[in-house]
Amino acid sequence: MFLGWYDPDKKRPAVEKLAEAVERYVEKFGSEPCVCLTSAADAAELTGKTELPVRSVSFISRYTYYVGVEDEPEELDLAA
């Protein structure tokens, strides 16, 4: 489950935006997110500045952050 966060304010640092996204995620879901998915540019800006693992993905636009928990893939039952 992910929460999408968009903040196009160029004057605010990405680490501040991510902190707000994490805060809202905790308010909404009652637990901490495990990962942040964002654009390559934002991921580069966040490198070394946050404890939350940050992963860049090509399909997310700049100034957008998806914080949450990735679903575990279901295991295939090959014995059936």
N, C-alpha and C. Protein backbone atom coordinates (compact mmCIF):
# COMPACT_ATOMS: atom_id res chain seq x y z
N MET A 1 0.85 -1.16 0.00
CA MET A 1 0.00 0.00 0.00
C MET A 1 0.90 1.23 0.00
N PHE A 2 0.60 2.16 -0.88
CA PHE A 2 1.39 3.38 -1.00
C PHE A 2 0.51 4.62 -0.86
N LEU A 3 1.12 5.68 -0.41
CA LEU A 3 0.49 6.99 -0.37
C LEU A 3 1.25 7.87 -1.34
N GLY A 4 0.56 8.49 -2.27
CA GLY A 4 1.20 9.40 -3.22
C GLY A 4 1.24 10.81 -2.67
N TRP A 5 2.37 11.49 -2.85
CA TRP A 5 2.55 12.85 -2.35
C TRP A 5 3.18 13.69 -3.45
N TYR A 6 2.54 14.79 -3.80
CA TYR A 6 3.05 15.67 -4.84
C TYR A 6 3.24 17.06 -4.26
N ASP A 7 4.44 17.62 -4.42
CA ASP A 7 4.74 18.96 -3.92
C ASP A 7 5.70 19.62 -4.90
N PRO A 8 5.18 20.47 -5.80
CA PRO A 8 6.02 21.07 -6.84
C PRO A 8 6.81 22.31 -6.40
N ASP A 9 6.76 22.67 -5.11
CA ASP A 9 7.46 23.86 -4.62
C ASP A 9 8.97 23.68 -4.75
N LYS A 10 9.58 24.40 -5.68
CA LYS A 10 11.01 24.26 -5.96
C LYS A 10 11.89 24.86 -4.87
N LYS A 11 11.31 25.67 -4.00
CA LYS A 11 12.08 26.32 -2.94
C LYS A 11 12.28 25.41 -1.72
N ARG A 12 11.49 24.36 -1.61
CA ARG A 12 11.58 23.46 -0.46
C ARG A 12 12.43 22.24 -0.82
N PRO A 13 13.29 21.82 0.07
CA PRO A 13 14.14 20.65 -0.22
C PRO A 13 13.32 19.35 -0.23
N ALA A 14 13.79 18.39 -1.00
CA ALA A 14 13.10 17.11 -1.13
C ALA A 14 12.99 16.38 0.20
N VAL A 15 13.97 16.51 1.05
CA VAL A 15 13.93 15.83 2.35
C VAL A 15 12.76 16.33 3.20
N GLU A 16 12.45 17.60 3.09
CA GLU A 16 11.31 18.19 3.82
C GLU A 16 9.99 17.65 3.26
N LYS A 17 9.91 17.56 1.95
CA LYS A 17 8.71 17.04 1.30
C LYS A 17 8.49 15.58 1.67
N LEU A 18 9.56 14.81 1.67
CA LEU A 18 9.46 13.40 2.03
C LEU A 18 9.03 13.24 3.48
N ALA A 19 9.54 14.07 4.36
CA ALA A 19 9.15 14.00 5.77
C ALA A 19 7.65 14.23 5.93
N GLU A 20 7.10 15.16 5.17
CA GLU A 20 5.66 15.41 5.22
C GLU A 20 4.88 14.22 4.69
N ALA A 21 5.38 13.60 3.65
CA ALA A 21 4.71 12.43 3.08
C ALA A 21 4.71 11.28 4.09
N VAL A 22 5.82 11.07 4.76
CA VAL A 22 5.93 10.01 5.77
C VAL A 22 4.98 10.31 6.93
N GLU A 23 4.94 11.55 7.37
CA GLU A 23 4.05 11.94 8.46
C GLU A 23 2.59 11.65 8.10
N ARG A 24 2.19 11.99 6.91
CA ARG A 24 0.81 11.75 6.47
C ARG A 24 0.53 10.26 6.36
N TYR A 25 1.50 9.48 5.89
CA TYR A 25 1.34 8.03 5.79
C TYR A 25 1.07 7.44 7.17
N VAL A 26 1.85 7.86 8.16
CA VAL A 26 1.68 7.36 9.53
C VAL A 26 0.31 7.75 10.08
N GLU A 27 -0.11 8.99 9.83
CA GLU A 27 -1.44 9.43 10.27
C GLU A 27 -2.54 8.57 9.66
N LYS A 28 -2.41 8.28 8.38
CA LYS A 28 -3.46 7.57 7.66
C LYS A 28 -3.48 6.07 7.93
N PHE A 29 -2.29 5.44 7.98
CA PHE A 29 -2.23 3.99 8.08
C PHE A 29 -1.76 3.46 9.43
N GLY A 30 -1.25 4.33 10.29
CA GLY A 30 -0.85 3.91 11.64
C GLY A 30 0.44 3.12 11.74
N SER A 31 1.25 3.14 10.69
CA SER A 31 2.55 2.47 10.72
C SER A 31 3.52 3.23 9.82
N GLU A 32 4.79 2.91 9.98
CA GLU A 32 5.83 3.58 9.20
C GLU A 32 5.95 2.95 7.80
N PRO A 33 6.21 3.76 6.78
CA PRO A 33 6.47 3.21 5.45
C PRO A 33 7.84 2.54 5.41
N CYS A 34 8.03 1.64 4.47
CA CYS A 34 9.30 0.91 4.34
C CYS A 34 10.17 1.39 3.18
N VAL A 35 9.57 2.15 2.25
CA VAL A 35 10.31 2.56 1.06
C VAL A 35 9.67 3.81 0.47
N CYS A 36 10.46 4.57 -0.27
CA CYS A 36 9.97 5.71 -1.02
C CYS A 36 10.34 5.50 -2.48
N LEU A 37 9.35 5.61 -3.35
CA LEU A 37 9.58 5.56 -4.79
C LEU A 37 9.45 6.98 -5.32
N THR A 38 10.39 7.42 -6.13
CA THR A 38 10.36 8.79 -6.65
C THR A 38 11.15 8.86 -7.96
N SER A 39 11.20 10.05 -8.54
CA SER A 39 11.94 10.25 -9.78
C SER A 39 13.45 10.17 -9.53
N ALA A 40 14.21 9.99 -10.58
CA ALA A 40 15.67 9.91 -10.46
C ALA A 40 16.25 11.20 -9.89
N ALA A 41 15.73 12.34 -10.31
CA ALA A 41 16.24 13.63 -9.83
C ALA A 41 15.99 13.80 -8.33
N ASP A 42 14.77 13.44 -7.90
CA ASP A 42 14.47 13.57 -6.47
C ASP A 42 15.23 12.53 -5.65
N ALA A 43 15.40 11.34 -6.19
CA ALA A 43 16.17 10.30 -5.49
C ALA A 43 17.61 10.75 -5.29
N ALA A 44 18.18 11.39 -6.30
CA ALA A 44 19.56 11.89 -6.19
C ALA A 44 19.67 12.95 -5.10
N GLU A 45 18.65 13.80 -5.01
CA GLU A 45 18.66 14.85 -3.99
C GLU A 45 18.52 14.26 -2.58
N LEU A 46 17.85 13.13 -2.47
CA LEU A 46 17.61 12.50 -1.16
C LEU A 46 18.73 11.56 -0.71
N THR A 47 19.64 11.21 -1.61
CA THR A 47 20.70 10.26 -1.29
C THR A 47 21.50 10.71 -0.07
N GLY A 48 21.56 9.82 0.93
CA GLY A 48 22.33 10.08 2.14
C GLY A 48 21.67 11.02 3.12
N LYS A 49 20.44 11.46 2.85
CA LYS A 49 19.78 12.43 3.71
C LYS A 49 18.56 11.88 4.45
N THR A 50 18.27 10.60 4.27
CA THR A 50 17.11 10.01 4.90
C THR A 50 17.38 8.55 5.26
N GLU A 51 16.76 8.09 6.35
CA GLU A 51 16.90 6.69 6.75
C GLU A 51 15.99 5.79 5.93
N LEU A 52 14.93 6.35 5.38
CA LEU A 52 13.99 5.58 4.57
C LEU A 52 14.65 5.24 3.23
N PRO A 53 14.68 3.97 2.86
CA PRO A 53 15.25 3.63 1.55
C PRO A 53 14.49 4.35 0.43
N VAL A 54 15.24 4.92 -0.50
CA VAL A 54 14.66 5.66 -1.62
C VAL A 54 15.06 4.96 -2.91
N ARG A 55 14.08 4.72 -3.76
CA ARG A 55 14.34 4.05 -5.04
C ARG A 55 13.80 4.91 -6.17
N SER A 56 14.62 5.14 -7.16
CA SER A 56 14.16 5.91 -8.32
C SER A 56 13.50 4.98 -9.33
N VAL A 57 12.40 5.45 -9.89
CA VAL A 57 11.70 4.69 -10.92
C VAL A 57 11.35 5.65 -12.05
N SER A 58 11.40 5.16 -13.26
CA SER A 58 11.22 6.03 -14.43
C SER A 58 9.80 6.52 -14.65
N PHE A 59 8.82 5.83 -14.11
CA PHE A 59 7.42 6.21 -14.37
C PHE A 59 6.85 7.22 -13.39
N ILE A 60 7.65 7.69 -12.42
CA ILE A 60 7.17 8.70 -11.47
C ILE A 60 7.78 10.04 -11.86
N SER A 61 6.93 11.06 -11.94
CA SER A 61 7.40 12.38 -12.35
C SER A 61 8.06 13.13 -11.19
N ARG A 62 8.79 14.16 -11.55
CA ARG A 62 9.52 14.98 -10.58
C ARG A 62 8.57 15.55 -9.54
N TYR A 63 9.05 15.69 -8.32
CA TYR A 63 8.34 16.25 -7.17
C TYR A 63 7.20 15.36 -6.67
N THR A 64 7.22 14.09 -7.06
CA THR A 64 6.21 13.13 -6.62
C THR A 64 6.88 12.03 -5.82
N TYR A 65 6.28 11.68 -4.69
CA TYR A 65 6.84 10.68 -3.79
C TYR A 65 5.76 9.67 -3.45
N TYR A 66 6.08 8.40 -3.59
CA TYR A 66 5.18 7.33 -3.16
C TYR A 66 5.85 6.66 -1.98
N VAL A 67 5.24 6.77 -0.80
CA VAL A 67 5.79 6.15 0.39
C VAL A 67 4.86 5.02 0.80
N GLY A 68 5.45 3.92 1.25
CA GLY A 68 4.60 2.82 1.66
C GLY A 68 5.34 1.51 1.82
N VAL A 69 4.57 0.44 1.67
CA VAL A 69 5.07 -0.91 1.85
C VAL A 69 4.74 -1.70 0.59
N GLU A 70 5.75 -2.30 0.02
CA GLU A 70 5.53 -3.10 -1.18
C GLU A 70 4.92 -4.44 -0.80
N ASP A 71 3.96 -4.89 -1.58
CA ASP A 71 3.34 -6.19 -1.34
C ASP A 71 4.33 -7.29 -1.68
N GLU A 72 4.35 -8.31 -0.87
CA GLU A 72 5.19 -9.48 -1.16
C GLU A 72 4.55 -10.26 -2.30
N PRO A 73 5.33 -10.68 -3.27
CA PRO A 73 4.74 -11.47 -4.36
C PRO A 73 4.24 -12.81 -3.83
N GLU A 74 3.11 -13.21 -4.34
CA GLU A 74 2.58 -14.50 -3.92
C GLU A 74 3.42 -15.62 -4.53
N GLU A 75 3.67 -16.64 -3.70
CA GLU A 75 4.46 -17.77 -4.18
C GLU A 75 3.58 -18.68 -5.02
N LEU A 76 4.15 -19.15 -6.09
CA LEU A 76 3.43 -20.08 -6.94
C LEU A 76 3.49 -21.48 -6.36
N ASP A 77 2.39 -22.17 -6.41
CA ASP A 77 2.37 -23.55 -5.94
C ASP A 77 2.70 -24.46 -7.13
N LEU A 78 3.96 -24.81 -7.28
CA LEU A 78 4.41 -25.60 -8.42
C LEU A 78 4.11 -27.08 -8.27
N ALA A 79 3.73 -27.49 -7.06
CA ALA A 79 3.44 -28.91 -6.82
C ALA A 79 2.06 -29.29 -7.34
N ALA A 80 1.22 -28.34 -7.59
CA ALA A 80 -0.16 -28.64 -8.00
C ALA A 80 -0.25 -29.09 -9.44
